[in-house]
PDB file of all heavy atoms in Angstrom:
ATOM      1  N   ASN A   1     124.428 128.031 -17.595  1.00  0.00           N
ATOM      2  CA  ASN A   1     123.359 128.596 -16.769  1.00  0.00           C
ATOM      3  C   ASN A   1     123.022 127.733 -15.560  1.00  0.00           C
ATOM      4  O   ASN A   1     122.231 128.140 -14.716  1.00  0.00           O
ATOM      5  CB  ASN A   1     122.100 128.818 -17.620  1.00  0.00           C
ATOM      6  CG  ASN A   1     122.345 129.854 -18.699  1.00  0.00           C
ATOM      7  OD1 ASN A   1     123.058 130.828 -18.482  1.00  0.00           O
ATOM      8  ND2 ASN A   1     121.786 129.625 -19.874  1.00  0.00           N
ATOM      9  N   SER A   2     123.609 126.543 -15.477  1.00  0.00           N
ATOM     10  CA  SER A   2     123.341 125.680 -14.321  1.00  0.00           C
ATOM     11  C   SER A   2     124.275 126.061 -13.170  1.00  0.00           C
ATOM     12  O   SER A   2     125.198 126.852 -13.329  1.00  0.00           O
ATOM     13  CB  SER A   2     123.516 124.209 -14.711  1.00  0.00           C
ATOM     14  OG  SER A   2     124.834 123.967 -15.133  1.00  0.00           O
ATOM     15  N   THR A   3     124.022 125.474 -12.015  1.00  0.00           N
ATOM     16  CA  THR A   3     124.860 125.761 -10.850  1.00  0.00           C
ATOM     17  C   THR A   3     126.247 125.142 -11.041  1.00  0.00           C
ATOM     18  O   THR A   3     126.414 124.199 -11.842  1.00  0.00           O
ATOM     19  CB  THR A   3     124.249 125.163  -9.567  1.00  0.00           C
ATOM     20  OG1 THR A   3     124.254 123.732  -9.678  1.00  0.00           O
ATOM     21  CG2 THR A   3     122.831 125.677  -9.346  1.00  0.00           C
ATOM     22  N   LEU A   4     127.223 125.645 -10.314  1.00  0.00           N
ATOM     23  CA  LEU A   4     128.565 125.074 -10.382  1.00  0.00           C
ATOM     24  C   LEU A   4     128.518 123.600  -9.989  1.00  0.00           C
ATOM     25  O   LEU A   4     129.179 122.767 -10.610  1.00  0.00           O
ATOM     26  CB  LEU A   4     129.543 125.849  -9.488  1.00  0.00           C
ATOM     27  CG  LEU A   4     130.979 125.323  -9.466  1.00  0.00           C
ATOM     28  CD1 LEU A   4     131.605 125.339 -10.867  1.00  0.00           C
ATOM     29  CD2 LEU A   4     131.832 126.128  -8.489  1.00  0.00           C
ATOM     30  N   TYR A   5     127.739 123.270  -8.990  1.00  0.00           N
ATOM     31  CA  TYR A   5     127.603 121.875  -8.563  1.00  0.00           C
ATOM     32  C   TYR A   5     127.141 120.992  -9.729  1.00  0.00           C
ATOM     33  O   TYR A   5     127.704 119.930  -9.992  1.00  0.00           O
ATOM     34  CB  TYR A   5     126.622 121.772  -7.389  1.00  0.00           C
ATOM     35  CG  TYR A   5     126.427 120.361  -6.910  1.00  0.00           C
ATOM     36  CD1 TYR A   5     127.317 119.785  -6.000  1.00  0.00           C
ATOM     37  CD2 TYR A   5     125.367 119.588  -7.367  1.00  0.00           C
ATOM     38  CE1 TYR A   5     127.148 118.480  -5.557  1.00  0.00           C
ATOM     39  CE2 TYR A   5     125.195 118.283  -6.928  1.00  0.00           C
ATOM     40  CZ  TYR A   5     126.086 117.742  -6.030  1.00  0.00           C
ATOM     41  OH  TYR A   5     125.924 116.449  -5.610  1.00  0.00           O
ATOM     42  N   ASP A   6     126.117 121.431 -10.455  1.00  0.00           N
ATOM     43  CA  ASP A   6     125.621 120.661 -11.604  1.00  0.00           C
ATOM     44  C   ASP A   6     126.658 120.601 -12.724  1.00  0.00           C
ATOM     45  O   ASP A   6     126.763 119.589 -13.426  1.00  0.00           O
ATOM     46  CB  ASP A   6     124.307 121.244 -12.121  1.00  0.00           C
ATOM     47  CG  ASP A   6     123.138 120.954 -11.190  1.00  0.00           C
ATOM     48  OD1 ASP A   6     123.235 119.993 -10.386  1.00  0.00           O
ATOM     49  OD2 ASP A   6     122.133 121.686 -11.255  1.00  0.00           O
ATOM     50  N   GLN A   7     127.423 121.663 -12.902  1.00  0.00           N
ATOM     51  CA  GLN A   7     128.487 121.654 -13.902  1.00  0.00           C
ATOM     52  C   GLN A   7     129.572 120.639 -13.530  1.00  0.00           C
ATOM     53  O   GLN A   7     130.090 119.921 -14.393  1.00  0.00           O
ATOM     54  CB  GLN A   7     129.089 123.052 -14.060  1.00  0.00           C
ATOM     55  CG  GLN A   7     128.130 124.036 -14.681  1.00  0.00           C
ATOM     56  CD  GLN A   7     128.660 125.465 -14.684  1.00  0.00           C
ATOM     57  OE1 GLN A   7     129.719 125.764 -14.130  1.00  0.00           O
ATOM     58  NE2 GLN A   7     127.920 126.352 -15.313  1.00  0.00           N
ATOM     59  N   ILE A   8     129.908 120.574 -12.241  1.00  0.00           N
ATOM     60  CA  ILE A   8     130.886 119.588 -11.770  1.00  0.00           C
ATOM     61  C   ILE A   8     130.350 118.177 -12.033  1.00  0.00           C
ATOM     62  O   ILE A   8     131.082 117.315 -12.542  1.00  0.00           O
ATOM     63  CB  ILE A   8     131.188 119.779 -10.271  1.00  0.00           C
ATOM     64  CG1 ILE A   8     131.877 121.119 -10.028  1.00  0.00           C
ATOM     65  CG2 ILE A   8     132.051 118.633  -9.739  1.00  0.00           C
ATOM     66  CD1 ILE A   8     131.920 121.542  -8.558  1.00  0.00           C
ATOM     67  N   CYS A   9     129.095 117.945 -11.720  1.00  0.00           N
ATOM     68  CA  CYS A   9     128.494 116.625 -11.965  1.00  0.00           C
ATOM     69  C   CYS A   9     128.519 116.278 -13.444  1.00  0.00           C
ATOM     70  O   CYS A   9     128.766 115.127 -13.815  1.00  0.00           O
ATOM     71  CB  CYS A   9     127.063 116.584 -11.435  1.00  0.00           C
ATOM     72  SG  CYS A   9     126.973 116.603  -9.633  1.00  0.00           S
ATOM     73  N   PHE A  10     128.296 117.263 -14.296  1.00  0.00           N
ATOM     74  CA  PHE A  10     128.355 117.035 -15.739  1.00  0.00           C
ATOM     75  C   PHE A  10     129.761 116.574 -16.125  1.00  0.00           C
ATOM     76  O   PHE A  10     129.922 115.611 -16.885  1.00  0.00           O
ATOM     77  CB  PHE A  10     127.979 118.313 -16.493  1.00  0.00           C
ATOM     78  CG  PHE A  10     127.942 118.141 -17.981  1.00  0.00           C
ATOM     79  CD1 PHE A  10     126.784 117.690 -18.601  1.00  0.00           C
ATOM     80  CD2 PHE A  10     129.051 118.419 -18.760  1.00  0.00           C
ATOM     81  CE1 PHE A  10     126.746 117.522 -19.984  1.00  0.00           C
ATOM     82  CE2 PHE A  10     129.021 118.255 -20.132  1.00  0.00           C
ATOM     83  CZ  PHE A  10     127.857 117.805 -20.748  1.00  0.00           C
ATOM     84  N   CYS A  11     130.777 117.223 -15.593  1.00  0.00           N
ATOM     85  CA  CYS A  11     132.161 116.846 -15.888  1.00  0.00           C
ATOM     86  C   CYS A  11     132.516 115.494 -15.274  1.00  0.00           C
ATOM     87  O   CYS A  11     133.319 114.740 -15.835  1.00  0.00           O
ATOM     88  CB  CYS A  11     133.120 117.930 -15.412  1.00  0.00           C
ATOM     89  SG  CYS A  11     132.997 119.462 -16.370  1.00  0.00           S
ATOM     90  N   LEU A  12     131.907 115.167 -14.140  1.00  0.00           N
ATOM     91  CA  LEU A  12     132.126 113.852 -13.536  1.00  0.00           C
ATOM     92  C   LEU A  12     131.648 112.735 -14.453  1.00  0.00           C
ATOM     93  O   LEU A  12     132.212 111.637 -14.455  1.00  0.00           O
ATOM     94  CB  LEU A  12     131.411 113.738 -12.197  1.00  0.00           C
ATOM     95  CG  LEU A  12     132.195 114.185 -10.987  1.00  0.00           C
ATOM     96  CD1 LEU A  12     131.327 114.120  -9.743  1.00  0.00           C
ATOM     97  CD2 LEU A  12     133.450 113.379 -10.799  1.00  0.00           C
ATOM     98  N   SER A  13     130.629 113.010 -15.234  1.00  0.00           N
ATOM     99  CA  SER A  13     130.176 112.011 -16.205  1.00  0.00           C
ATOM    100  C   SER A  13     131.288 111.677 -17.192  1.00  0.00           C
ATOM    101  O   SER A  13     131.411 110.530 -17.620  1.00  0.00           O
ATOM    102  CB  SER A  13     128.935 112.507 -16.950  1.00  0.00           C
ATOM    103  OG  SER A  13     127.857 112.635 -16.060  1.00  0.00           O
ATOM    104  N   ALA A  14     132.098 112.656 -17.533  1.00  0.00           N
ATOM    105  CA  ALA A  14     133.264 112.398 -18.394  1.00  0.00           C
ATOM    106  C   ALA A  14     134.270 111.535 -17.643  1.00  0.00           C
ATOM    107  O   ALA A  14     134.890 110.634 -18.216  1.00  0.00           O
ATOM    108  CB  ALA A  14     133.899 113.711 -18.844  1.00  0.00           C
ATOM    109  N   GLY A  15     134.441 111.799 -16.356  1.00  0.00           N
ATOM    110  CA  GLY A  15     135.345 110.992 -15.536  1.00  0.00           C
ATOM    111  C   GLY A  15     134.917 109.544 -15.479  1.00  0.00           C
ATOM    112  O   GLY A  15     135.741 108.626 -15.574  1.00  0.00           O
ATOM    113  N   ILE A  16     133.636 109.320 -15.347  1.00  0.00           N
ATOM    114  CA  ILE A  16     133.102 107.969 -15.255  1.00  0.00           C
ATOM    115  C   ILE A  16     133.376 107.173 -16.525  1.00  0.00           C
ATOM    116  O   ILE A  16     133.487 105.947 -16.486  1.00  0.00           O
ATOM    117  CB  ILE A  16     131.590 108.020 -14.927  1.00  0.00           C
ATOM    118  CG1 ILE A  16     131.391 108.530 -13.493  1.00  0.00           C
ATOM    119  CG2 ILE A  16     130.918 106.672 -15.117  1.00  0.00           C
ATOM    120  CD1 ILE A  16     129.964 108.891 -13.154  1.00  0.00           C
ATOM    121  N   LEU A  17     133.530 107.848 -17.642  1.00  0.00           N
ATOM    122  CA  LEU A  17     133.808 107.168 -18.913  1.00  0.00           C
ATOM    123  C   LEU A  17     135.260 106.713 -19.051  1.00  0.00           C
ATOM    124  O   LEU A  17     135.611 106.082 -20.039  1.00  0.00           O
ATOM    125  CB  LEU A  17     133.445 108.089 -20.088  1.00  0.00           C
ATOM    126  CG  LEU A  17     131.957 108.360 -20.248  1.00  0.00           C
ATOM    127  CD1 LEU A  17     131.729 109.391 -21.346  1.00  0.00           C
ATOM    128  CD2 LEU A  17     131.206 107.082 -20.553  1.00  0.00           C
ATOM    129  N   ALA A  18     136.085 106.992 -18.071  1.00  0.00           N
ATOM    130  CA  ALA A  18     137.496 106.605 -18.140  1.00  0.00           C
ATOM    131  C   ALA A  18     137.645 105.086 -18.174  1.00  0.00           C
ATOM    132  O   ALA A  18     136.855 104.359 -17.563  1.00  0.00           O
ATOM    133  CB  ALA A  18     138.257 107.165 -16.938  1.00  0.00           C
ATOM    134  N   PRO A  19     138.654 104.608 -18.874  1.00  0.00           N
ATOM    135  CA  PRO A  19     138.920 103.165 -18.849  1.00  0.00           C
ATOM    136  C   PRO A  19     139.389 102.743 -17.461  1.00  0.00           C
ATOM    137  O   PRO A  19     140.012 103.523 -16.747  1.00  0.00           O
ATOM    138  CB  PRO A  19     140.030 102.982 -19.883  1.00  0.00           C
ATOM    139  CG  PRO A  19     140.669 104.316 -20.015  1.00  0.00           C
ATOM    140  CD  PRO A  19     139.617 105.335 -19.691  1.00  0.00           C
ATOM    141  N   SER A  20     139.051 101.524 -17.085  1.00  0.00           N
ATOM    142  CA  SER A  20     139.495 100.992 -15.801  1.00  0.00           C
ATOM    143  C   SER A  20     139.794  99.502 -15.949  1.00  0.00           C
ATOM    144  O   SER A  20     139.296  98.851 -16.863  1.00  0.00           O
ATOM    145  CB  SER A  20     138.429 101.218 -14.723  1.00  0.00           C
ATOM    146  OG  SER A  20     137.232 100.540 -15.035  1.00  0.00           O
ATOM    147  N   THR A  21     140.605  99.002 -15.052  1.00  0.00           N
ATOM    148  CA  THR A  21     140.989  97.601 -15.092  1.00  0.00           C
ATOM    149  C   THR A  21     139.748  96.711 -15.081  1.00  0.00           C
ATOM    150  O   THR A  21     138.907  96.828 -14.189  1.00  0.00           O
ATOM    151  CB  THR A  21     141.880  97.269 -13.883  1.00  0.00           C
ATOM    152  OG1 THR A  21     143.006  98.130 -13.914  1.00  0.00           O
ATOM    153  CG2 THR A  21     142.327  95.825 -13.912  1.00  0.00           C
ATOM    154  N   HIS A  22     139.644  95.869 -16.065  1.00  0.00           N
ATOM    155  CA  HIS A  22     138.503  94.954 -16.209  1.00  0.00           C
ATOM    156  C   HIS A  22     137.171  95.685 -16.102  1.00  0.00           C
ATOM    157  O   HIS A  22     136.169  95.120 -15.682  1.00  0.00           O
ATOM    158  CB  HIS A  22     138.586  93.810 -15.196  1.00  0.00           C
ATOM    159  CG  HIS A  22     139.758  92.922 -15.423  1.00  0.00           C
ATOM    160  ND1 HIS A  22     139.807  92.023 -16.455  1.00  0.00           N
ATOM    161  CD2 HIS A  22     140.940  92.828 -14.775  1.00  0.00           C
ATOM    162  CE1 HIS A  22     140.968  91.381 -16.424  1.00  0.00           C
ATOM    163  NE2 HIS A  22     141.682  91.871 -15.420  1.00  0.00           N
ATOM    164  N   ASN A  23     137.174  96.963 -16.452  1.00  0.00           N
ATOM    165  CA  ASN A  23     135.986  97.817 -16.419  1.00  0.00           C
ATOM    166  C   ASN A  23     135.289  97.789 -15.053  1.00  0.00           C
ATOM    167  O   ASN A  23     134.076  97.862 -14.960  1.00  0.00           O
ATOM    168  CB  ASN A  23     135.004  97.429 -17.536  1.00  0.00           C
ATOM    169  CG  ASN A  23     134.086  98.569 -17.910  1.00  0.00           C
ATOM    170  OD1 ASN A  23     134.447  99.744 -17.770  1.00  0.00           O
ATOM    171  ND2 ASN A  23     132.909  98.258 -18.380  1.00  0.00           N
ATOM    172  N   CYS A  24     136.084  97.720 -13.991  1.00  0.00           N
ATOM    173  CA  CYS A  24     135.502  97.629 -12.644  1.00  0.00           C
ATOM    174  C   CYS A  24     135.139  98.987 -12.061  1.00  0.00           C
ATOM    175  O   CYS A  24     134.426  99.056 -11.072  1.00  0.00           O
ATOM    176  CB  CYS A  24     136.457  96.901 -11.702  1.00  0.00           C
ATOM    177  SG  CYS A  24     137.977  97.807 -11.372  1.00  0.00           S
ATOM    178  N   GLN A  25     135.606 100.071 -12.658  1.00  0.00           N
ATOM    179  CA  GLN A  25     135.314 101.435 -12.209  1.00  0.00           C
ATOM    180  C   GLN A  25     135.455 101.554 -10.688  1.00  0.00           C
ATOM    181  O   GLN A  25     134.475 101.747  -9.970  1.00  0.00           O
ATOM    182  CB  GLN A  25     133.933 101.872 -12.684  1.00  0.00           C
ATOM    183  CG  GLN A  25     133.815 101.845 -14.187  1.00  0.00           C
ATOM    184  CD  GLN A  25     132.447 102.202 -14.691  1.00  0.00           C
ATOM    185  OE1 GLN A  25     131.440 101.957 -14.051  1.00  0.00           O
ATOM    186  NE2 GLN A  25     132.414 102.785 -15.874  1.00  0.00           N
ATOM    187  N   PRO A  26     136.691 101.482 -10.189  1.00  0.00           N
ATOM    188  CA  PRO A  26     136.920 101.385  -8.742  1.00  0.00           C
ATOM    189  C   PRO A  26     136.878 102.704  -7.983  1.00  0.00           C
ATOM    190  O   PRO A  26     137.386 102.808  -6.881  1.00  0.00           O
ATOM    191  CB  PRO A  26     138.332 100.789  -8.684  1.00  0.00           C
ATOM    192  CG  PRO A  26     139.008 101.402  -9.873  1.00  0.00           C
ATOM    193  CD  PRO A  26     137.937 101.417 -10.942  1.00  0.00           C
ATOM    194  N   TRP A  27     136.267 103.715  -8.541  1.00  0.00           N
ATOM    195  CA  TRP A  27     136.284 105.026  -7.908  1.00  0.00           C
ATOM    196  C   TRP A  27     134.974 105.346  -7.198  1.00  0.00           C
ATOM    197  O   TRP A  27     133.908 104.859  -7.532  1.00  0.00           O
ATOM    198  CB  TRP A  27     136.573 106.107  -8.944  1.00  0.00           C
ATOM    199  CG  TRP A  27     135.793 105.933 -10.222  1.00  0.00           C
ATOM    200  CD1 TRP A  27     134.453 106.134 -10.413  1.00  0.00           C
ATOM    201  CD2 TRP A  27     136.301 105.475 -11.462  1.00  0.00           C
ATOM    202  NE1 TRP A  27     134.106 105.848 -11.704  1.00  0.00           N
ATOM    203  CE2 TRP A  27     135.213 105.445 -12.379  1.00  0.00           C
ATOM    204  CE3 TRP A  27     137.561 105.113 -11.915  1.00  0.00           C
ATOM    205  CZ2 TRP A  27     135.357 105.050 -13.700  1.00  0.00           C
ATOM    206  CZ3 TRP A  27     137.699 104.721 -13.235  1.00  0.00           C
ATOM    207  CH2 TRP A  27     136.614 104.686 -14.112  1.00  0.00           C
TER     208      TRP A  27
END
């Protein structure tokens, strides 16, 4: 029921949980 933009942001939270070198999250 949320906007597509908010749905994308929700999925981005999953992206942020990705492993990264030395946990630096370079994105």
